[in-house]
Amino acid sequence: MPRIWYEQGFHFSFFAADGGEPAHVHVRKGNGAGKWWIGDASEAKSRGFTRAERSRIARIVREQRERFQEAWDREFGSGG
């Protein structure tokens, strides 16, 4: 699970088997874990994050959308 970004204690990464789904990132911090869609920065699922942390994650995904999409395309090919 290569880490593609780290900010404010949040680790953003992909799983090797993620390529069959639309572009997204997995996020971990402490006991929290979740998945956010890159395209609209919406939360697919999460556990262990506070409401404020989930908002912060969505903001980071919006701010880093281009970086995340480029990393996705390098890993899985474009079109995700």
PDB file of N, CA and C in Angstrom:
ATOM      1  N   MET A   1       0.853  -1.173   0.000  1.00  0.00           N
ATOM      2  CA  MET A   1       0.000   0.000   0.000  1.00  0.00           C
ATOM      3  C   MET A   1       0.897   1.235   0.000  1.00  0.00           C
ATOM      4  N   PRO A   2       1.296   1.719  -1.162  1.00  0.00           N
ATOM      5  CA  PRO A   2       2.196   2.870  -1.198  1.00  0.00           C
ATOM      6  C   PRO A   2       1.506   4.150  -0.750  1.00  0.00           C
ATOM      7  N   ARG A   3       2.183   4.885   0.100  1.00  0.00           N
ATOM      8  CA  ARG A   3       1.655   6.176   0.552  1.00  0.00           C
ATOM      9  C   ARG A   3       1.907   7.202  -0.543  1.00  0.00           C
ATOM     10  N   ILE A   4       0.860   7.933  -0.920  1.00  0.00           N
ATOM     11  CA  ILE A   4       1.018   8.941  -1.958  1.00  0.00           C
ATOM     12  C   ILE A   4       1.043  10.351  -1.392  1.00  0.00           C
ATOM     13  N   TRP A   5       0.568  10.522  -0.150  1.00  0.00           N
ATOM     14  CA  TRP A   5       0.567  11.861   0.444  1.00  0.00           C
ATOM     15  C   TRP A   5       0.450  11.713   1.951  1.00  0.00           C
ATOM     16  N   TYR A   6       1.044  12.648   2.677  1.00  0.00           N
ATOM     17  CA  TYR A   6       0.950  12.682   4.133  1.00  0.00           C
ATOM     18  C   TYR A   6       0.750  14.123   4.538  1.00  0.00           C
ATOM     19  N   GLU A   7      -0.300  14.379   5.294  1.00  0.00           N
ATOM     20  CA  GLU A   7      -0.569  15.751   5.738  1.00  0.00           C
ATOM     21  C   GLU A   7      -1.364  15.707   7.033  1.00  0.00           C
ATOM     22  N   GLN A   8      -0.946  16.518   8.011  1.00  0.00           N
ATOM     23  CA  GLN A   8      -1.645  16.652   9.287  1.00  0.00           C
ATOM     24  C   GLN A   8      -1.882  15.299   9.958  1.00  0.00           C
ATOM     25  N   GLY A   9      -0.940  14.381   9.777  1.00  0.00           N
ATOM     26  CA  GLY A   9      -1.049  13.062  10.385  1.00  0.00           C
ATOM     27  C   GLY A   9      -1.860  12.059   9.586  1.00  0.00           C
ATOM     28  N   PHE A  10      -2.453  12.482   8.483  1.00  0.00           N
ATOM     29  CA  PHE A  10      -3.249  11.599   7.640  1.00  0.00           C
ATOM     30  C   PHE A  10      -2.362  10.984   6.563  1.00  0.00           C
ATOM     31  N   HIS A  11      -2.456   9.674   6.401  1.00  0.00           N
ATOM     32  CA  HIS A  11      -1.731   8.936   5.369  1.00  0.00           C
ATOM     33  C   HIS A  11      -2.712   8.629   4.241  1.00  0.00           C
ATOM     34  N   PHE A  12      -2.395   9.049   3.029  1.00  0.00           N
ATOM     35  CA  PHE A  12      -3.232   8.819   1.855  1.00  0.00           C
ATOM     36  C   PHE A  12      -2.539   7.789   0.974  1.00  0.00           C
ATOM     37  N   SER A  13      -3.274   6.747   0.558  1.00  0.00           N
ATOM     38  CA  SER A  13      -2.652   5.664  -0.201  1.00  0.00           C
ATOM     39  C   SER A  13      -3.675   4.959  -1.086  1.00  0.00           C
ATOM     40  N   PHE A  14      -3.167   4.018  -1.890  1.00  0.00           N
ATOM     41  CA  PHE A  14      -3.988   3.134  -2.717  1.00  0.00           C
ATOM     42  C   PHE A  14      -3.696   1.699  -2.297  1.00  0.00           C
ATOM     43  N   PHE A  15      -4.611   0.807  -2.626  1.00  0.00           N
ATOM     44  CA  PHE A  15      -4.365  -0.629  -2.533  1.00  0.00           C
ATOM     45  C   PHE A  15      -4.121  -1.148  -3.939  1.00  0.00           C
ATOM     46  N   ALA A  16      -3.319  -2.170  -4.072  1.00  0.00           N
ATOM     47  CA  ALA A  16      -2.998  -2.725  -5.391  1.00  0.00           C
ATOM     48  C   ALA A  16      -4.249  -3.180  -6.146  1.00  0.00           C
ATOM     49  N   ALA A  17      -5.272  -3.618  -5.451  1.00  0.00           N
ATOM     50  CA  ALA A  17      -6.477  -4.134  -6.099  1.00  0.00           C
ATOM     51  C   ALA A  17      -7.517  -3.053  -6.393  1.00  0.00           C
ATOM     52  N   ASP A  18      -7.185  -1.791  -6.177  1.00  0.00           N
ATOM     53  CA  ASP A  18      -8.153  -0.702  -6.325  1.00  0.00           C
ATOM     54  C   ASP A  18      -8.499  -0.348  -7.761  1.00  0.00           C
ATOM     55  N   GLY A  19      -7.724  -0.795  -8.725  1.00  0.00           N
ATOM     56  CA  GLY A  19      -7.868  -0.348 -10.100  1.00  0.00           C
ATOM     57  C   GLY A  19      -9.214  -0.600 -10.751  1.00  0.00           C
ATOM     58  N   GLY A  20     -10.009  -1.512 -10.255  1.00  0.00           N
ATOM     59  CA  GLY A  20     -11.308  -1.793 -10.845  1.00  0.00           C
ATOM     60  C   GLY A  20     -12.405  -0.837 -10.414  1.00  0.00           C
ATOM     61  N   GLU A  21     -12.099   0.084  -9.534  1.00  0.00           N
ATOM     62  CA  GLU A  21     -13.075   1.043  -9.014  1.00  0.00           C
ATOM     63  C   GLU A  21     -12.762   2.439  -9.537  1.00  0.00           C
ATOM     64  N   PRO A  22     -13.709   3.363  -9.393  1.00  0.00           N
ATOM     65  CA  PRO A  22     -13.385   4.767  -9.711  1.00  0.00           C
ATOM     66  C   PRO A  22     -12.242   5.260  -8.811  1.00  0.00           C
ATOM     67  N   ALA A  23     -11.551   6.298  -9.254  1.00  0.00           N
ATOM     68  CA  ALA A  23     -10.384   6.817  -8.537  1.00  0.00           C
ATOM     69  C   ALA A  23     -10.748   7.220  -7.105  1.00  0.00           C
ATOM     70  N   HIS A  24      -9.957   6.731  -6.153  1.00  0.00           N
ATOM     71  CA  HIS A  24     -10.175   7.054  -4.743  1.00  0.00           C
ATOM     72  C   HIS A  24      -8.868   6.891  -3.972  1.00  0.00           C
ATOM     73  N   VAL A  25      -8.865   7.401  -2.758  1.00  0.00           N
ATOM     74  CA  VAL A  25      -7.732   7.230  -1.856  1.00  0.00           C
ATOM     75  C   VAL A  25      -8.225   6.624  -0.554  1.00  0.00           C
ATOM     76  N   HIS A  26      -7.357   5.843   0.061  1.00  0.00           N
ATOM     77  CA  HIS A  26      -7.595   5.330   1.400  1.00  0.00           C
ATOM     78  C   HIS A  26      -6.851   6.241   2.354  1.00  0.00           C
ATOM     79  N   VAL A  27      -7.464   6.518   3.496  1.00  0.00           N
ATOM     80  CA  VAL A  27      -6.900   7.447   4.471  1.00  0.00           C
ATOM     81  C   VAL A  27      -6.825   6.737   5.814  1.00  0.00           C
ATOM     82  N   ARG A  28      -5.676   6.912   6.485  1.00  0.00           N
ATOM     83  CA  ARG A  28      -5.493   6.339   7.815  1.00  0.00           C
ATOM     84  C   ARG A  28      -4.859   7.380   8.726  1.00  0.00           C
ATOM     85  N   LYS A  29      -5.287   7.348   9.966  1.00  0.00           N
ATOM     86  CA  LYS A  29      -4.656   8.139  11.020  1.00  0.00           C
ATOM     87  C   LYS A  29      -5.073   7.520  12.345  1.00  0.00           C
ATOM     88  N   GLY A  30      -4.105   7.097  13.137  1.00  0.00           N
ATOM     89  CA  GLY A  30      -4.431   6.447  14.403  1.00  0.00           C
ATOM     90  C   GLY A  30      -5.329   5.245  14.170  1.00  0.00           C
ATOM     91  N   ASN A  31      -6.468   5.219  14.852  1.00  0.00           N
ATOM     92  CA  ASN A  31      -7.436   4.131  14.688  1.00  0.00           C
ATOM     93  C   ASN A  31      -8.441   4.409  13.590  1.00  0.00           C
ATOM     94  N   GLY A  32      -8.349   5.562  12.954  1.00  0.00           N
ATOM     95  CA  GLY A  32      -9.282   5.920  11.902  1.00  0.00           C
ATOM     96  C   GLY A  32      -8.841   5.399  10.545  1.00  0.00           C
ATOM     97  N   ALA A  33      -9.821   5.034   9.726  1.00  0.00           N
ATOM     98  CA  ALA A  33      -9.550   4.571   8.368  1.00  0.00           C
ATOM     99  C   ALA A  33     -10.768   4.897   7.511  1.00  0.00           C
ATOM    100  N   GLY A  34     -10.516   5.172   6.241  1.00  0.00           N
ATOM    101  CA  GLY A  34     -11.634   5.463   5.356  1.00  0.00           C
ATOM    102  C   GLY A  34     -11.210   5.530   3.910  1.00  0.00           C
ATOM    103  N   LYS A  35     -12.205   5.822   3.073  1.00  0.00           N
ATOM    104  CA  LYS A  35     -12.011   5.874   1.631  1.00  0.00           C
ATOM    105  C   LYS A  35     -12.759   7.090   1.107  1.00  0.00           C
ATOM    106  N   TRP A  36     -12.058   7.907   0.292  1.00  0.00           N
ATOM    107  CA  TRP A  36     -12.643   9.108  -0.299  1.00  0.00           C
ATOM    108  C   TRP A  36     -12.475   9.065  -1.805  1.00  0.00           C
ATOM    109  N   TRP A  37     -13.539   9.412  -2.530  1.00  0.00           N
ATOM    110  CA  TRP A  37     -13.491   9.505  -3.987  1.00  0.00           C
ATOM    111  C   TRP A  37     -12.697  10.742  -4.374  1.00  0.00           C
ATOM    112  N   ILE A  38     -11.797  10.602  -5.329  1.00  0.00           N
ATOM    113  CA  ILE A  38     -10.957  11.726  -5.750  1.00  0.00           C
ATOM    114  C   ILE A  38     -11.774  12.758  -6.523  1.00  0.00           C
ATOM    115  N   GLY A  39     -12.665  12.318  -7.391  1.00  0.00           N
ATOM    116  CA  GLY A  39     -13.391  13.225  -8.275  1.00  0.00           C
ATOM    117  C   GLY A  39     -14.152  14.322  -7.562  1.00  0.00           C
ATOM    118  N   ASP A  40     -14.905  13.981  -6.529  1.00  0.00           N
ATOM    119  CA  ASP A  40     -15.702  14.998  -5.841  1.00  0.00           C
ATOM    120  C   ASP A  40     -15.351  15.128  -4.363  1.00  0.00           C
ATOM    121  N   ALA A  41     -14.296  14.452  -3.930  1.00  0.00           N
ATOM    122  CA  ALA A  41     -13.798  14.499  -2.550  1.00  0.00           C
ATOM    123  C   ALA A  41     -14.852  14.038  -1.545  1.00  0.00           C
ATOM    124  N   SER A  42     -15.784  13.195  -1.993  1.00  0.00           N
ATOM    125  CA  SER A  42     -16.803  12.713  -1.068  1.00  0.00           C
ATOM    126  C   SER A  42     -16.316  11.450  -0.357  1.00  0.00           C
ATOM    127  N   GLU A  43     -16.854  11.250   0.811  1.00  0.00           N
ATOM    128  CA  GLU A  43     -16.505  10.104   1.638  1.00  0.00           C
ATOM    129  C   GLU A  43     -17.272   8.873   1.158  1.00  0.00           C
ATOM    130  N   ALA A  44     -16.554   7.819   0.841  1.00  0.00           N
ATOM    131  CA  ALA A  44     -17.195   6.557   0.480  1.00  0.00           C
ATOM    132  C   ALA A  44     -17.553   5.783   1.746  1.00  0.00           C
ATOM    133  N   LYS A  45     -16.606   5.744   2.693  1.00  0.00           N
ATOM    134  CA  LYS A  45     -16.832   5.084   3.978  1.00  0.00           C
ATOM    135  C   LYS A  45     -15.698   5.462   4.912  1.00  0.00           C
ATOM    136  N   SER A  46     -15.973   5.406   6.200  1.00  0.00           N
ATOM    137  CA  SER A  46     -14.910   5.647   7.172  1.00  0.00           C
ATOM    138  C   SER A  46     -15.352   5.150   8.540  1.00  0.00           C
ATOM    139  N   ARG A  47     -14.358   4.990   9.392  1.00  0.00           N
ATOM    140  CA  ARG A  47     -14.612   4.636  10.792  1.00  0.00           C
ATOM    141  C   ARG A  47     -13.508   5.270  11.631  1.00  0.00           C
ATOM    142  N   GLY A  48     -13.854   5.707  12.801  1.00  0.00           N
ATOM    143  CA  GLY A  48     -12.863   6.192  13.745  1.00  0.00           C
ATOM    144  C   GLY A  48     -12.408   7.628  13.566  1.00  0.00           C
ATOM    145  N   PHE A  49     -12.991   8.369  12.626  1.00  0.00           N
ATOM    146  CA  PHE A  49     -12.664   9.776  12.450  1.00  0.00           C
ATOM    147  C   PHE A  49     -13.781  10.635  13.029  1.00  0.00           C
ATOM    148  N   THR A  50     -13.411  11.759  13.608  1.00  0.00           N
ATOM    149  CA  THR A  50     -14.419  12.708  14.066  1.00  0.00           C
ATOM    150  C   THR A  50     -15.000  13.444  12.853  1.00  0.00           C
ATOM    151  N   ARG A  51     -16.083  14.136  13.064  1.00  0.00           N
ATOM    152  CA  ARG A  51     -16.679  14.938  11.989  1.00  0.00           C
ATOM    153  C   ARG A  51     -15.669  15.968  11.472  1.00  0.00           C
ATOM    154  N   ALA A  52     -14.935  16.614  12.385  1.00  0.00           N
ATOM    155  CA  ALA A  52     -13.933  17.605  11.979  1.00  0.00           C
ATOM    156  C   ALA A  52     -12.828  16.959  11.150  1.00  0.00           C
ATOM    157  N   GLU A  53     -12.388  15.766  11.536  1.00  0.00           N
ATOM    158  CA  GLU A  53     -11.357  15.078  10.762  1.00  0.00           C
ATOM    159  C   GLU A  53     -11.869  14.706   9.373  1.00  0.00           C
ATOM    160  N   ARG A  54     -13.112  14.256   9.284  1.00  0.00           N
ATOM    161  CA  ARG A  54     -13.671  13.908   7.976  1.00  0.00           C
ATOM    162  C   ARG A  54     -13.752  15.141   7.076  1.00  0.00           C
ATOM    163  N   SER A  55     -14.110  16.276   7.647  1.00  0.00           N
ATOM    164  CA  SER A  55     -14.129  17.534   6.874  1.00  0.00           C
ATOM    165  C   SER A  55     -12.728  17.916   6.428  1.00  0.00           C
ATOM    166  N   ARG A  56     -11.752  17.752   7.312  1.00  0.00           N
ATOM    167  CA  ARG A  56     -10.365  18.063   6.985  1.00  0.00           C
ATOM    168  C   ARG A  56      -9.864  17.158   5.859  1.00  0.00           C
ATOM    169  N   ILE A  57     -10.199  15.889   5.921  1.00  0.00           N
ATOM    170  CA  ILE A  57      -9.787  14.950   4.873  1.00  0.00           C
ATOM    171  C   ILE A  57     -10.384  15.367   3.541  1.00  0.00           C
ATOM    172  N   ALA A  58     -11.664  15.692   3.507  1.00  0.00           N
ATOM    173  CA  ALA A  58     -12.309  16.116   2.260  1.00  0.00           C
ATOM    174  C   ALA A  58     -11.623  17.360   1.698  1.00  0.00           C
ATOM    175  N   ARG A  59     -11.256  18.291   2.576  1.00  0.00           N
ATOM    176  CA  ARG A  59     -10.563  19.502   2.121  1.00  0.00           C
ATOM    177  C   ARG A  59      -9.209  19.147   1.510  1.00  0.00           C
ATOM    178  N   ILE A  60      -8.463  18.258   2.149  1.00  0.00           N
ATOM    179  CA  ILE A  60      -7.156  17.837   1.619  1.00  0.00           C
ATOM    180  C   ILE A  60      -7.331  17.155   0.268  1.00  0.00           C
ATOM    181  N   VAL A  61      -8.339  16.281   0.146  1.00  0.00           N
ATOM    182  CA  VAL A  61      -8.567  15.594  -1.129  1.00  0.00           C
ATOM    183  C   VAL A  61      -8.884  16.622  -2.217  1.00  0.00           C
ATOM    184  N   ARG A  62      -9.707  17.629  -1.907  1.00  0.00           N
ATOM    185  CA  ARG A  62      -9.995  18.683  -2.896  1.00  0.00           C
ATOM    186  C   ARG A  62      -8.718  19.431  -3.280  1.00  0.00           C
ATOM    187  N   GLU A  63      -7.920  19.789  -2.282  1.00  0.00           N
ATOM    188  CA  GLU A  63      -6.697  20.553  -2.542  1.00  0.00           C
ATOM    189  C   GLU A  63      -5.663  19.748  -3.318  1.00  0.00           C
ATOM    190  N   GLN A  64      -5.624  18.451  -3.102  1.00  0.00           N
ATOM    191  CA  GLN A  64      -4.616  17.593  -3.735  1.00  0.00           C
ATOM    192  C   GLN A  64      -5.194  16.756  -4.882  1.00  0.00           C
ATOM    193  N   ARG A  65      -6.397  17.101  -5.331  1.00  0.00           N
ATOM    194  CA  ARG A  65      -7.096  16.299  -6.345  1.00  0.00           C
ATOM    195  C   ARG A  65      -6.220  16.001  -7.556  1.00  0.00           C
ATOM    196  N   GLU A  66      -5.559  17.011  -8.085  1.00  0.00           N
ATOM    197  CA  GLU A  66      -4.734  16.805  -9.281  1.00  0.00           C
ATOM    198  C   GLU A  66      -3.587  15.838  -8.995  1.00  0.00           C
ATOM    199  N   ARG A  67      -2.915  16.018  -7.876  1.00  0.00           N
ATOM    200  CA  ARG A  67      -1.809  15.132  -7.479  1.00  0.00           C
ATOM    201  C   ARG A  67      -2.311  13.697  -7.320  1.00  0.00           C
ATOM    202  N   PHE A  68      -3.453  13.524  -6.633  1.00  0.00           N
ATOM    203  CA  PHE A  68      -3.999  12.187  -6.401  1.00  0.00           C
ATOM    204  C   PHE A  68      -4.420  11.533  -7.721  1.00  0.00           C
ATOM    205  N   GLN A  69      -5.060  12.313  -8.597  1.00  0.00           N
ATOM    206  CA  GLN A  69      -5.497  11.746  -9.873  1.00  0.00           C
ATOM    207  C   GLN A  69      -4.297  11.328 -10.718  1.00  0.00           C
ATOM    208  N   GLU A  70      -3.244  12.150 -10.735  1.00  0.00           N
ATOM    209  CA  GLU A  70      -2.039  11.793 -11.488  1.00  0.00           C
ATOM    210  C   GLU A  70      -1.407  10.525 -10.933  1.00  0.00           C
ATOM    211  N   ALA A  71      -1.365  10.394  -9.614  1.00  0.00           N
ATOM    212  CA  ALA A  71      -0.805   9.190  -8.990  1.00  0.00           C
ATOM    213  C   ALA A  71      -1.675   7.969  -9.330  1.00  0.00           C
ATOM    214  N   TRP A  72      -2.987   8.152  -9.318  1.00  0.00           N
ATOM    215  CA  TRP A  72      -3.911   7.065  -9.683  1.00  0.00           C
ATOM    216  C   TRP A  72      -3.659   6.623 -11.111  1.00  0.00           C
ATOM    217  N   ASP A  73      -3.559   7.604 -12.019  1.00  0.00           N
ATOM    218  CA  ASP A  73      -3.358   7.288 -13.436  1.00  0.00           C
ATOM    219  C   ASP A  73      -2.028   6.574 -13.664  1.00  0.00           C
ATOM    220  N   ARG A  74      -0.986   6.954 -12.918  1.00  0.00           N
ATOM    221  CA  ARG A  74       0.301   6.253 -13.030  1.00  0.00           C
ATOM    222  C   ARG A  74       0.181   4.817 -12.534  1.00  0.00           C
ATOM    223  N   GLU A  75      -0.576   4.632 -11.482  1.00  0.00           N
ATOM    224  CA  GLU A  75      -0.708   3.304 -10.861  1.00  0.00           C
ATOM    225  C   GLU A  75      -1.645   2.378 -11.644  1.00  0.00           C
ATOM    226  N   PHE A  76      -2.778   2.915 -12.081  1.00  0.00           N
ATOM    227  CA  PHE A  76      -3.829   2.067 -12.645  1.00  0.00           C
ATOM    228  C   PHE A  76      -4.198   2.409 -14.083  1.00  0.00           C
ATOM    229  N   GLY A  77      -3.649   3.471 -14.634  1.00  0.00           N
ATOM    230  CA  GLY A  77      -4.042   3.916 -15.975  1.00  0.00           C
ATOM    231  C   GLY A  77      -5.152   4.951 -15.863  1.00  0.00           C
ATOM    232  N   SER A  78      -5.309   5.745 -16.875  1.00  0.00           N
ATOM    233  CA  SER A  78      -6.329   6.800 -16.835  1.00  0.00           C
ATOM    234  C   SER A  78      -7.719   6.206 -16.995  1.00  0.00           C
ATOM    235  N   GLY A  79      -8.698   7.010 -16.682  1.00  0.00           N
ATOM    236  CA  GLY A  79     -10.088   6.592 -16.831  1.00  0.00           C
ATOM    237  C   GLY A  79     -10.736   6.192 -15.534  1.00  0.00           C
ATOM    238  N   GLY A  80      -9.964   6.189 -14.422  1.00  0.00           N
ATOM    239  CA  GLY A  80     -10.556   5.804 -13.145  1.00  0.00           C
ATOM    240  C   GLY A  80     -11.271   6.927 -12.476  1.00  0.00           C
TER     241      GLY A  80
END
